[in-house]
């Protein structure tokens, strides 16, 4: 369920052998993603258990379908808002889409920046090399290019030392910086991304 794309064949086979159709697994994935987000604000353990461990006489798609629909509706609304406000940046022969997630997302509402940037990249991956989201004090970079993100963030940190870029989340494409140095961090990150993708 944790795979959004290119699910390993063994996982697909195990789900099918257990009686789960691909459509139901997709609904469960979306439902769990939505509830996991809200879990950080309110205990949803019982609901997650109901989703994943339905009684034998219960249809696993019944509850999951309702929550999955909420997931899709909220994601679509967020994507439409984001796409209307994306900036397109030429990076040599490459192109990156940049979103000000501070201005065009709601911090405590679904989807979180990580999922939104991922969804934008999935939708535009055939036309751009990267999607970059800039929040109040962090940025997220999503690309399929073979990029050393830690090295990219460290190069940006050298260009904007006052921003104090922290690459601890580099594995997930996330870097933190001082909110008061947001513009300097943004310029340095875009320049380092350009150099890396060029």
N, C-alpha and C. Protein backbone atom coordinates (compact mmCIF):
# COMPACT_ATOMS: atom_id res chain seq x y z
N UNK A 1 0.81 -1.21 0.00
CA UNK A 1 0.00 0.00 0.00
C UNK A 1 0.84 1.26 0.00
N UNK A 2 2.06 1.18 0.53
CA UNK A 2 2.86 2.40 0.65
C UNK A 2 3.43 2.84 -0.69
N UNK A 3 3.35 2.00 -1.72
CA UNK A 3 3.89 2.35 -3.02
C UNK A 3 2.84 3.11 -3.82
N UNK A 4 3.21 4.32 -4.28
CA UNK A 4 2.28 5.13 -5.08
C UNK A 4 2.41 4.78 -6.55
N UNK A 5 3.55 4.30 -6.94
CA UNK A 5 3.79 3.92 -8.33
C UNK A 5 4.80 2.78 -8.34
N UNK A 6 4.77 2.00 -9.40
CA UNK A 6 5.72 0.91 -9.58
C UNK A 6 5.75 -0.03 -8.38
N UNK A 7 4.57 -0.45 -7.94
CA UNK A 7 4.49 -1.40 -6.83
C UNK A 7 5.18 -2.70 -7.23
N UNK A 8 6.04 -3.25 -6.40
CA UNK A 8 6.72 -4.51 -6.74
C UNK A 8 5.71 -5.62 -7.04
N UNK A 9 6.04 -6.46 -8.02
CA UNK A 9 5.14 -7.54 -8.44
C UNK A 9 4.79 -8.46 -7.28
N UNK A 10 5.77 -8.70 -6.40
CA UNK A 10 5.51 -9.59 -5.26
C UNK A 10 4.42 -9.04 -4.35
N UNK A 11 4.41 -7.74 -4.18
CA UNK A 11 3.39 -7.10 -3.34
C UNK A 11 2.02 -7.20 -4.00
N UNK A 12 2.01 -6.96 -5.33
CA UNK A 12 0.73 -7.06 -6.04
C UNK A 12 0.18 -8.47 -5.97
N UNK A 13 1.07 -9.45 -6.13
CA UNK A 13 0.64 -10.85 -6.08
C UNK A 13 0.13 -11.22 -4.69
N UNK A 14 0.82 -10.75 -3.65
CA UNK A 14 0.40 -11.06 -2.28
C UNK A 14 -0.99 -10.47 -2.00
N UNK A 15 -1.22 -9.25 -2.47
CA UNK A 15 -2.53 -8.62 -2.27
C UNK A 15 -3.61 -9.39 -3.02
N UNK A 16 -3.31 -9.78 -4.25
CA UNK A 16 -4.28 -10.54 -5.06
C UNK A 16 -4.57 -11.89 -4.41
N UNK A 17 -3.51 -12.57 -3.91
CA UNK A 17 -3.69 -13.87 -3.26
C UNK A 17 -4.53 -13.76 -2.00
N UNK A 18 -4.47 -12.58 -1.34
CA UNK A 18 -5.25 -12.36 -0.12
C UNK A 18 -6.68 -11.91 -0.44
N UNK A 19 -6.97 -11.79 -1.75
CA UNK A 19 -8.33 -11.43 -2.15
C UNK A 19 -8.58 -9.95 -2.35
N UNK A 20 -7.51 -9.15 -2.40
CA UNK A 20 -7.67 -7.71 -2.59
C UNK A 20 -7.53 -7.36 -4.07
N UNK A 21 -8.50 -6.66 -4.60
CA UNK A 21 -8.41 -6.17 -5.97
C UNK A 21 -7.56 -4.90 -5.96
N UNK A 22 -6.93 -4.62 -7.10
CA UNK A 22 -6.05 -3.45 -7.20
C UNK A 22 -6.79 -2.16 -6.85
N UNK A 23 -8.04 -2.06 -7.25
CA UNK A 23 -8.82 -0.85 -6.97
C UNK A 23 -9.03 -0.66 -5.46
N UNK A 24 -9.25 -1.77 -4.75
CA UNK A 24 -9.45 -1.70 -3.30
C UNK A 24 -8.15 -1.30 -2.61
N UNK A 25 -7.03 -1.85 -3.07
CA UNK A 25 -5.73 -1.50 -2.49
C UNK A 25 -5.46 -0.01 -2.69
N UNK A 26 -5.79 0.52 -3.87
CA UNK A 26 -5.60 1.95 -4.13
C UNK A 26 -6.47 2.78 -3.19
N UNK A 27 -7.71 2.37 -2.96
CA UNK A 27 -8.59 3.10 -2.05
C UNK A 27 -8.06 3.04 -0.62
N UNK A 28 -7.55 1.88 -0.21
CA UNK A 28 -6.98 1.75 1.13
C UNK A 28 -5.76 2.65 1.30
N UNK A 29 -4.92 2.70 0.26
CA UNK A 29 -3.73 3.54 0.32
C UNK A 29 -4.13 5.01 0.52
N UNK A 30 -5.10 5.47 -0.25
CA UNK A 30 -5.54 6.86 -0.15
C UNK A 30 -6.19 7.14 1.20
N UNK A 31 -7.02 6.20 1.66
CA UNK A 31 -7.70 6.38 2.95
C UNK A 31 -6.69 6.43 4.10
N UNK A 32 -5.72 5.53 4.08
CA UNK A 32 -4.70 5.52 5.15
C UNK A 32 -3.85 6.79 5.08
N UNK A 33 -3.52 7.26 3.88
CA UNK A 33 -2.73 8.49 3.75
C UNK A 33 -3.46 9.67 4.37
N UNK A 34 -4.76 9.76 4.11
CA UNK A 34 -5.54 10.87 4.66
C UNK A 34 -5.62 10.76 6.18
N UNK A 35 -5.94 9.58 6.68
CA UNK A 35 -6.08 9.41 8.13
C UNK A 35 -4.73 9.51 8.85
N UNK A 36 -3.66 9.07 8.21
CA UNK A 36 -2.34 9.18 8.83
C UNK A 36 -1.96 10.65 9.01
N UNK A 37 -2.35 11.49 8.05
CA UNK A 37 -2.09 12.92 8.18
C UNK A 37 -2.82 13.48 9.40
N UNK A 38 -4.09 13.14 9.55
CA UNK A 38 -4.86 13.66 10.67
C UNK A 38 -4.50 12.98 11.99
N UNK A 39 -3.83 11.83 11.92
CA UNK A 39 -3.38 11.12 13.12
C UNK A 39 -2.45 12.01 13.95
N UNK A 40 -1.72 12.90 13.27
CA UNK A 40 -0.78 13.75 14.01
C UNK A 40 -1.50 14.79 14.85
N UNK A 41 -2.79 14.99 14.61
CA UNK A 41 -3.57 15.96 15.37
C UNK A 41 -4.60 15.31 16.29
N UNK A 42 -5.03 14.12 15.94
CA UNK A 42 -6.07 13.45 16.72
C UNK A 42 -5.92 11.94 16.53
N UNK A 43 -6.09 11.19 17.59
CA UNK A 43 -5.89 9.74 17.54
C UNK A 43 -6.88 9.08 16.59
N UNK A 44 -6.35 8.39 15.56
CA UNK A 44 -7.18 7.72 14.57
C UNK A 44 -6.87 6.21 14.52
N UNK A 45 -6.29 5.68 15.60
CA UNK A 45 -5.87 4.28 15.55
C UNK A 45 -7.01 3.32 15.27
N UNK A 46 -8.17 3.56 15.89
CA UNK A 46 -9.29 2.65 15.68
C UNK A 46 -9.76 2.68 14.23
N UNK A 47 -9.78 3.86 13.64
CA UNK A 47 -10.19 3.97 12.25
C UNK A 47 -9.20 3.28 11.33
N UNK A 48 -7.91 3.45 11.59
CA UNK A 48 -6.90 2.76 10.79
C UNK A 48 -7.06 1.25 10.93
N UNK A 49 -7.29 0.77 12.14
CA UNK A 49 -7.50 -0.66 12.35
C UNK A 49 -8.73 -1.14 11.59
N UNK A 50 -9.80 -0.34 11.61
CA UNK A 50 -11.00 -0.72 10.86
C UNK A 50 -10.72 -0.80 9.36
N UNK A 51 -9.88 0.09 8.87
CA UNK A 51 -9.55 0.09 7.44
C UNK A 51 -8.73 -1.13 7.06
N UNK A 52 -7.73 -1.43 7.87
CA UNK A 52 -6.78 -2.49 7.50
C UNK A 52 -7.19 -3.89 7.94
N UNK A 53 -7.99 -3.97 9.00
CA UNK A 53 -8.32 -5.29 9.55
C UNK A 53 -9.82 -5.47 9.67
N UNK A 54 -10.50 -5.32 8.54
CA UNK A 54 -11.96 -5.46 8.53
C UNK A 54 -12.35 -6.89 8.90
N UNK A 55 -13.49 -7.03 9.53
CA UNK A 55 -14.01 -8.37 9.85
C UNK A 55 -14.27 -9.12 8.54
N UNK A 56 -14.28 -10.43 8.61
CA UNK A 56 -14.43 -11.24 7.41
C UNK A 56 -15.74 -10.96 6.67
N UNK A 57 -16.78 -10.61 7.40
CA UNK A 57 -18.07 -10.37 6.76
C UNK A 57 -18.24 -8.92 6.28
N UNK A 58 -17.18 -8.10 6.46
CA UNK A 58 -17.26 -6.70 6.03
C UNK A 58 -16.54 -6.51 4.70
N UNK A 59 -17.04 -5.61 3.90
CA UNK A 59 -16.43 -5.27 2.63
C UNK A 59 -15.33 -4.24 2.89
N UNK A 60 -14.05 -4.57 2.64
CA UNK A 60 -12.97 -3.62 2.93
C UNK A 60 -13.09 -2.32 2.12
N UNK A 61 -13.84 -2.38 1.02
CA UNK A 61 -13.95 -1.20 0.18
C UNK A 61 -15.01 -0.21 0.69
N UNK A 62 -15.90 -0.64 1.57
CA UNK A 62 -17.00 0.22 2.01
C UNK A 62 -16.48 1.47 2.72
N UNK A 63 -15.77 1.28 3.82
CA UNK A 63 -15.24 2.42 4.58
C UNK A 63 -14.12 3.11 3.80
N UNK A 64 -13.24 2.30 3.20
CA UNK A 64 -12.11 2.87 2.46
C UNK A 64 -12.59 3.74 1.31
N UNK A 65 -13.65 3.34 0.64
CA UNK A 65 -14.16 4.10 -0.49
C UNK A 65 -14.60 5.49 -0.10
N UNK A 66 -15.27 5.59 1.04
CA UNK A 66 -15.75 6.90 1.51
C UNK A 66 -14.57 7.83 1.84
N UNK A 67 -13.58 7.30 2.56
CA UNK A 67 -12.43 8.13 2.95
C UNK A 67 -11.55 8.41 1.74
N UNK A 68 -11.42 7.43 0.85
CA UNK A 68 -10.63 7.61 -0.36
C UNK A 68 -11.20 8.73 -1.22
N UNK A 69 -12.51 8.83 -1.27
CA UNK A 69 -13.16 9.92 -2.02
C UNK A 69 -12.78 11.28 -1.43
N UNK A 70 -12.73 11.36 -0.10
CA UNK A 70 -12.30 12.61 0.55
C UNK A 70 -10.85 12.93 0.16
N UNK A 71 -10.01 11.90 0.15
CA UNK A 71 -8.61 12.07 -0.25
C UNK A 71 -8.54 12.68 -1.64
N UNK A 72 -9.26 12.07 -2.60
CA UNK A 72 -9.19 12.52 -3.99
C UNK A 72 -9.73 13.94 -4.15
N UNK A 73 -10.83 14.24 -3.46
CA UNK A 73 -11.42 15.58 -3.55
C UNK A 73 -10.45 16.64 -3.02
N UNK A 74 -9.86 16.38 -1.86
CA UNK A 74 -8.94 17.35 -1.26
C UNK A 74 -7.66 17.48 -2.08
N UNK A 75 -7.18 16.36 -2.58
CA UNK A 75 -5.97 16.40 -3.41
C UNK A 75 -6.23 17.18 -4.69
N UNK A 76 -7.36 16.93 -5.34
CA UNK A 76 -7.67 17.62 -6.59
C UNK A 76 -7.80 19.12 -6.39
N UNK A 77 -8.45 19.52 -5.30
CA UNK A 77 -8.60 20.95 -5.00
C UNK A 77 -7.23 21.59 -4.81
N UNK A 78 -6.36 20.92 -4.05
CA UNK A 78 -5.01 21.44 -3.80
C UNK A 78 -4.20 21.52 -5.08
N UNK A 79 -4.30 20.49 -5.93
CA UNK A 79 -3.55 20.47 -7.18
C UNK A 79 -4.02 21.59 -8.11
N UNK A 80 -5.33 21.78 -8.20
CA UNK A 80 -5.85 22.84 -9.07
C UNK A 80 -5.35 24.22 -8.61
N UNK A 81 -5.36 24.45 -7.30
CA UNK A 81 -4.84 25.72 -6.77
C UNK A 81 -3.35 25.85 -7.07
N UNK A 82 -2.61 24.78 -6.84
CA UNK A 82 -1.16 24.80 -7.07
C UNK A 82 -0.84 25.04 -8.54
N UNK A 83 -1.52 24.33 -9.43
CA UNK A 83 -1.20 24.44 -10.85
C UNK A 83 -1.49 25.84 -11.38
N UNK A 84 -2.46 26.52 -10.80
CA UNK A 84 -2.76 27.89 -11.22
C UNK A 84 -1.68 28.87 -10.75
N UNK A 85 -0.82 28.42 -9.85
CA UNK A 85 0.18 29.31 -9.27
C UNK A 85 1.61 28.80 -9.42
N UNK A 86 1.82 27.81 -10.26
CA UNK A 86 3.17 27.30 -10.50
C UNK A 86 3.97 28.29 -11.34
N UNK A 87 5.24 28.41 -11.01
CA UNK A 87 6.17 29.20 -11.82
C UNK A 87 7.03 28.21 -12.59
N UNK A 88 7.26 28.50 -13.85
CA UNK A 88 8.10 27.64 -14.69
C UNK A 88 9.48 28.28 -14.81
N UNK A 89 10.52 27.54 -14.42
CA UNK A 89 11.89 28.06 -14.47
C UNK A 89 12.71 27.23 -15.45
N UNK A 90 13.33 27.92 -16.41
CA UNK A 90 14.25 27.25 -17.33
C UNK A 90 15.57 27.05 -16.60
N UNK A 91 16.06 25.82 -16.66
CA UNK A 91 17.32 25.48 -15.99
C UNK A 91 18.21 24.84 -17.05
N UNK A 92 18.93 25.67 -17.79
CA UNK A 92 19.69 25.16 -18.92
C UNK A 92 18.72 24.56 -19.92
N UNK A 93 18.93 23.30 -20.27
CA UNK A 93 18.00 22.60 -21.16
C UNK A 93 16.84 21.98 -20.39
N UNK A 94 16.88 22.08 -19.09
CA UNK A 94 15.85 21.47 -18.24
C UNK A 94 14.85 22.53 -17.78
N UNK A 95 13.75 22.04 -17.21
CA UNK A 95 12.71 22.93 -16.69
C UNK A 95 12.30 22.45 -15.31
N UNK A 96 12.07 23.40 -14.40
CA UNK A 96 11.56 23.06 -13.07
C UNK A 96 10.29 23.87 -12.83
N UNK A 97 9.34 23.25 -12.15
CA UNK A 97 8.14 23.95 -11.72
C UNK A 97 8.35 24.32 -10.25
N UNK A 98 8.03 25.57 -9.90
CA UNK A 98 8.26 26.05 -8.54
C UNK A 98 6.93 26.54 -7.96
N UNK A 99 6.64 26.09 -6.74
CA UNK A 99 5.41 26.49 -6.06
C UNK A 99 5.74 27.12 -4.72
N UNK A 100 5.12 28.24 -4.43
CA UNK A 100 5.22 28.87 -3.12
C UNK A 100 4.19 28.17 -2.23
N UNK A 101 4.61 27.13 -1.53
CA UNK A 101 3.66 26.36 -0.72
C UNK A 101 3.20 27.14 0.50
N UNK A 102 3.97 28.13 0.91
CA UNK A 102 3.55 28.97 2.03
C UNK A 102 2.30 29.77 1.65
N UNK A 103 2.24 30.24 0.41
CA UNK A 103 1.12 31.08 -0.03
C UNK A 103 -0.07 30.27 -0.54
N UNK A 104 0.19 29.08 -1.09
CA UNK A 104 -0.89 28.37 -1.79
C UNK A 104 -1.24 27.01 -1.20
N UNK A 105 -0.87 26.78 0.05
CA UNK A 105 -1.33 25.59 0.76
C UNK A 105 -1.70 25.99 2.18
N UNK A 106 -2.43 25.10 2.85
CA UNK A 106 -2.81 25.33 4.24
C UNK A 106 -2.02 24.36 5.10
N UNK A 107 -1.26 24.90 6.01
CA UNK A 107 -0.33 24.10 6.82
C UNK A 107 -1.00 22.93 7.53
N UNK A 108 -2.22 23.11 8.03
CA UNK A 108 -2.85 22.06 8.84
C UNK A 108 -3.95 21.32 8.09
N UNK A 109 -3.99 21.47 6.78
CA UNK A 109 -5.00 20.77 6.00
C UNK A 109 -4.34 19.84 5.01
N UNK A 110 -5.05 18.80 4.65
CA UNK A 110 -4.55 17.82 3.70
C UNK A 110 -4.69 18.38 2.28
N UNK A 111 -3.71 18.12 1.40
CA UNK A 111 -2.51 17.29 1.58
C UNK A 111 -1.34 18.10 2.12
N UNK A 112 -0.42 17.43 2.82
CA UNK A 112 0.80 18.11 3.26
C UNK A 112 1.68 18.42 2.04
N UNK A 113 2.61 19.34 2.22
CA UNK A 113 3.47 19.77 1.11
C UNK A 113 4.15 18.59 0.42
N UNK A 114 4.60 17.63 1.20
CA UNK A 114 5.32 16.48 0.64
C UNK A 114 4.48 15.74 -0.39
N UNK A 115 3.22 15.45 -0.04
CA UNK A 115 2.35 14.74 -0.97
C UNK A 115 1.96 15.60 -2.16
N UNK A 116 1.75 16.90 -1.93
CA UNK A 116 1.37 17.79 -3.02
C UNK A 116 2.50 17.90 -4.04
N UNK A 117 3.73 18.10 -3.58
CA UNK A 117 4.86 18.19 -4.50
C UNK A 117 5.02 16.88 -5.26
N UNK A 118 4.84 15.76 -4.58
CA UNK A 118 4.92 14.45 -5.24
C UNK A 118 3.85 14.32 -6.32
N UNK A 119 2.63 14.71 -6.01
CA UNK A 119 1.53 14.60 -6.98
C UNK A 119 1.76 15.52 -8.18
N UNK A 120 2.23 16.73 -7.92
CA UNK A 120 2.54 17.65 -9.03
C UNK A 120 3.62 17.07 -9.93
N UNK A 121 4.63 16.45 -9.31
CA UNK A 121 5.69 15.86 -10.12
C UNK A 121 5.16 14.70 -10.95
N UNK A 122 4.32 13.85 -10.36
CA UNK A 122 3.75 12.72 -11.12
C UNK A 122 2.97 13.22 -12.32
N UNK A 123 2.23 14.31 -12.14
CA UNK A 123 1.40 14.83 -13.23
C UNK A 123 2.21 15.53 -14.32
N UNK A 124 3.39 16.04 -13.97
CA UNK A 124 4.16 16.83 -14.93
C UNK A 124 5.53 16.24 -15.26
N UNK A 125 5.79 15.02 -14.83
CA UNK A 125 7.13 14.46 -14.98
C UNK A 125 7.57 14.31 -16.44
N UNK A 126 6.63 14.26 -17.38
CA UNK A 126 7.01 14.13 -18.79
C UNK A 126 7.43 15.46 -19.40
N UNK A 127 7.15 16.56 -18.72
CA UNK A 127 7.46 17.88 -19.29
C UNK A 127 8.49 18.66 -18.49
N UNK A 128 8.79 18.24 -17.25
CA UNK A 128 9.77 18.96 -16.43
C UNK A 128 10.72 17.97 -15.76
N UNK A 129 11.85 18.49 -15.34
CA UNK A 129 12.84 17.64 -14.66
C UNK A 129 12.70 17.67 -13.15
N UNK A 130 12.03 18.70 -12.61
CA UNK A 130 11.90 18.81 -11.16
C UNK A 130 10.70 19.67 -10.79
N UNK A 131 10.20 19.42 -9.59
CA UNK A 131 9.20 20.29 -8.97
C UNK A 131 9.78 20.69 -7.62
N UNK A 132 9.73 21.99 -7.34
CA UNK A 132 10.29 22.51 -6.10
C UNK A 132 9.20 23.28 -5.36
N UNK A 133 8.99 22.94 -4.10
CA UNK A 133 8.02 23.65 -3.28
C UNK A 133 8.74 24.40 -2.17
N UNK A 134 8.42 25.68 -2.01
CA UNK A 134 9.05 26.51 -0.98
C UNK A 134 8.02 26.90 0.07
N UNK A 135 8.25 26.47 1.30
CA UNK A 135 7.39 26.84 2.41
C UNK A 135 7.99 28.00 3.18
N UNK A 136 7.50 28.20 4.40
CA UNK A 136 7.99 29.31 5.24
C UNK A 136 9.44 29.11 5.64
N UNK A 137 9.79 27.86 6.00
CA UNK A 137 11.16 27.61 6.46
C UNK A 137 11.70 26.27 5.98
N UNK A 138 11.12 25.76 4.89
CA UNK A 138 11.65 24.53 4.30
C UNK A 138 11.30 24.48 2.82
N UNK A 139 12.05 23.67 2.10
CA UNK A 139 11.80 23.46 0.67
C UNK A 139 11.83 21.97 0.40
N UNK A 140 11.11 21.58 -0.65
CA UNK A 140 11.09 20.18 -1.09
C UNK A 140 11.40 20.14 -2.58
N UNK A 141 12.30 19.24 -2.96
CA UNK A 141 12.65 19.06 -4.36
C UNK A 141 12.32 17.63 -4.75
N UNK A 142 11.57 17.49 -5.85
CA UNK A 142 11.23 16.16 -6.35
C UNK A 142 11.69 16.06 -7.79
N UNK A 143 12.55 15.09 -8.06
CA UNK A 143 13.07 14.87 -9.39
C UNK A 143 13.37 13.39 -9.58
N UNK A 144 13.37 12.93 -10.83
CA UNK A 144 13.79 11.57 -11.14
C UNK A 144 15.25 11.54 -11.57
N UNK A 145 15.84 12.73 -11.75
CA UNK A 145 17.24 12.80 -12.17
C UNK A 145 18.14 12.24 -11.07
N UNK A 146 19.25 11.68 -11.49
CA UNK A 146 20.20 11.15 -10.51
C UNK A 146 20.97 12.32 -9.92
N UNK A 147 20.46 12.80 -8.80
CA UNK A 147 21.00 14.01 -8.16
C UNK A 147 21.40 13.69 -6.73
N UNK A 148 22.56 14.18 -6.35
CA UNK A 148 22.99 14.10 -4.96
C UNK A 148 22.34 15.27 -4.23
N UNK A 149 21.16 15.04 -3.65
CA UNK A 149 20.42 16.13 -3.02
C UNK A 149 21.19 16.73 -1.84
N UNK A 150 21.88 15.90 -1.08
CA UNK A 150 22.66 16.44 0.02
C UNK A 150 23.73 17.40 -0.52
N UNK A 151 24.39 17.00 -1.59
CA UNK A 151 25.39 17.87 -2.21
C UNK A 151 24.77 19.15 -2.75
N UNK A 152 23.57 19.03 -3.35
CA UNK A 152 22.85 20.20 -3.86
C UNK A 152 22.55 21.17 -2.72
N UNK A 153 22.05 20.63 -1.61
CA UNK A 153 21.71 21.49 -0.47
C UNK A 153 22.96 22.12 0.15
N UNK A 154 24.05 21.36 0.19
CA UNK A 154 25.29 21.91 0.74
C UNK A 154 25.84 23.03 -0.15
N UNK A 155 25.69 22.86 -1.48
CA UNK A 155 26.13 23.92 -2.40
C UNK A 155 25.29 25.17 -2.20
N UNK A 156 23.99 25.00 -2.01
CA UNK A 156 23.11 26.14 -1.77
C UNK A 156 23.46 26.82 -0.45
N UNK A 157 23.83 26.03 0.55
CA UNK A 157 24.19 26.59 1.85
C UNK A 157 25.43 27.48 1.74
N UNK A 158 26.36 27.11 0.87
CA UNK A 158 27.56 27.92 0.68
C UNK A 158 27.22 29.26 0.03
N UNK A 159 26.18 29.26 -0.83
CA UNK A 159 25.77 30.50 -1.49
C UNK A 159 24.94 31.40 -0.58
N UNK A 160 24.27 30.81 0.41
CA UNK A 160 23.42 31.59 1.31
C UNK A 160 23.68 31.15 2.75
N UNK A 161 24.89 31.41 3.28
CA UNK A 161 25.23 30.92 4.62
C UNK A 161 24.33 31.46 5.72
N UNK A 162 23.80 32.66 5.56
CA UNK A 162 22.94 33.24 6.60
C UNK A 162 21.61 32.50 6.71
N UNK A 163 21.24 31.75 5.67
CA UNK A 163 19.97 31.00 5.68
C UNK A 163 20.09 29.72 6.52
N UNK A 164 21.31 29.30 6.82
CA UNK A 164 21.56 28.10 7.65
C UNK A 164 20.79 26.90 7.14
N UNK A 165 20.96 26.57 5.86
CA UNK A 165 20.26 25.41 5.29
C UNK A 165 20.67 24.13 6.00
N UNK A 166 19.69 23.35 6.36
CA UNK A 166 19.91 22.10 7.10
C UNK A 166 19.42 20.95 6.24
N UNK A 167 20.33 20.10 5.80
CA UNK A 167 20.01 19.03 4.85
C UNK A 167 19.68 17.70 5.52
N UNK A 168 19.25 17.71 6.76
CA UNK A 168 18.95 16.43 7.43
C UNK A 168 17.85 15.64 6.73
N UNK A 169 16.96 16.32 6.01
CA UNK A 169 15.88 15.62 5.29
C UNK A 169 16.20 15.40 3.84
N UNK A 170 17.49 15.45 3.46
CA UNK A 170 17.88 15.36 2.06
C UNK A 170 17.41 14.07 1.41
N UNK A 171 17.35 13.01 2.16
CA UNK A 171 16.93 11.73 1.59
C UNK A 171 15.51 11.81 1.02
N UNK A 172 14.68 12.64 1.65
CA UNK A 172 13.31 12.84 1.19
C UNK A 172 13.16 14.08 0.33
N UNK A 173 14.27 14.71 -0.04
CA UNK A 173 14.21 15.91 -0.86
C UNK A 173 13.82 17.16 -0.09
N UNK A 174 14.00 17.13 1.23
CA UNK A 174 13.58 18.26 2.07
C UNK A 174 14.79 18.92 2.71
N UNK A 175 14.77 20.26 2.72
CA UNK A 175 15.81 21.03 3.38
C UNK A 175 15.13 22.14 4.18
N UNK A 176 15.66 22.40 5.37
CA UNK A 176 15.12 23.46 6.22
C UNK A 176 16.06 24.66 6.18
N UNK A 177 15.50 25.84 6.46
CA UNK A 177 16.30 27.06 6.50
C UNK A 177 15.63 28.05 7.44
N UNK A 178 16.33 29.13 7.76
CA UNK A 178 15.78 30.16 8.64
C UNK A 178 14.69 30.93 7.88
N UNK A 179 13.52 31.05 8.50
CA UNK A 179 12.39 31.70 7.85
C UNK A 179 12.72 33.13 7.41
N UNK A 180 13.51 33.84 8.19
CA UNK A 180 13.85 35.22 7.85
C UNK A 180 14.77 35.34 6.64
N UNK A 181 15.37 34.22 6.23
CA UNK A 181 16.27 34.21 5.08
C UNK A 181 15.67 33.43 3.91
N UNK A 182 14.35 33.40 3.87
CA UNK A 182 13.65 32.58 2.87
C UNK A 182 14.03 32.95 1.43
N UNK A 183 14.06 34.23 1.10
CA UNK A 183 14.37 34.63 -0.27
C UNK A 183 15.79 34.25 -0.66
N UNK A 184 16.73 34.44 0.27
CA UNK A 184 18.11 34.07 -0.02
C UNK A 184 18.22 32.55 -0.21
N UNK A 185 17.51 31.79 0.63
CA UNK A 185 17.51 30.33 0.51
C UNK A 185 16.90 29.91 -0.82
N UNK A 186 15.81 30.58 -1.21
CA UNK A 186 15.13 30.25 -2.46
C UNK A 186 16.06 30.46 -3.66
N UNK A 187 16.71 31.62 -3.71
CA UNK A 187 17.61 31.91 -4.82
C UNK A 187 18.77 30.92 -4.87
N UNK A 188 19.34 30.63 -3.71
CA UNK A 188 20.47 29.70 -3.66
C UNK A 188 20.07 28.29 -4.07
N UNK A 189 18.88 27.85 -3.61
CA UNK A 189 18.43 26.50 -3.95
C UNK A 189 18.12 26.38 -5.44
N UNK A 190 17.48 27.40 -6.01
CA UNK A 190 17.18 27.34 -7.45
C UNK A 190 18.46 27.37 -8.27
N UNK A 191 19.43 28.17 -7.84
CA UNK A 191 20.71 28.23 -8.57
C UNK A 191 21.44 26.89 -8.46
N UNK A 192 21.46 26.30 -7.27
CA UNK A 192 22.13 25.00 -7.10
C UNK A 192 21.40 23.92 -7.87
N UNK A 193 20.08 23.99 -7.93
CA UNK A 193 19.30 23.01 -8.72
C UNK A 193 19.64 23.15 -10.18
N UNK A 194 19.75 24.39 -10.67
CA UNK A 194 20.09 24.64 -12.06
C UNK A 194 21.46 24.05 -12.40
N UNK A 195 22.43 24.28 -11.52
CA UNK A 195 23.78 23.75 -11.76
C UNK A 195 23.79 22.23 -11.75
N UNK A 196 22.96 21.65 -10.88
CA UNK A 196 22.95 20.20 -10.74
C UNK A 196 22.25 19.52 -11.92
N UNK A 197 21.16 20.12 -12.38
CA UNK A 197 20.38 19.51 -13.48
C UNK A 197 20.94 19.86 -14.85
N UNK A 198 21.77 20.90 -14.92
CA UNK A 198 22.28 21.35 -16.22
C UNK A 198 23.15 20.28 -16.87
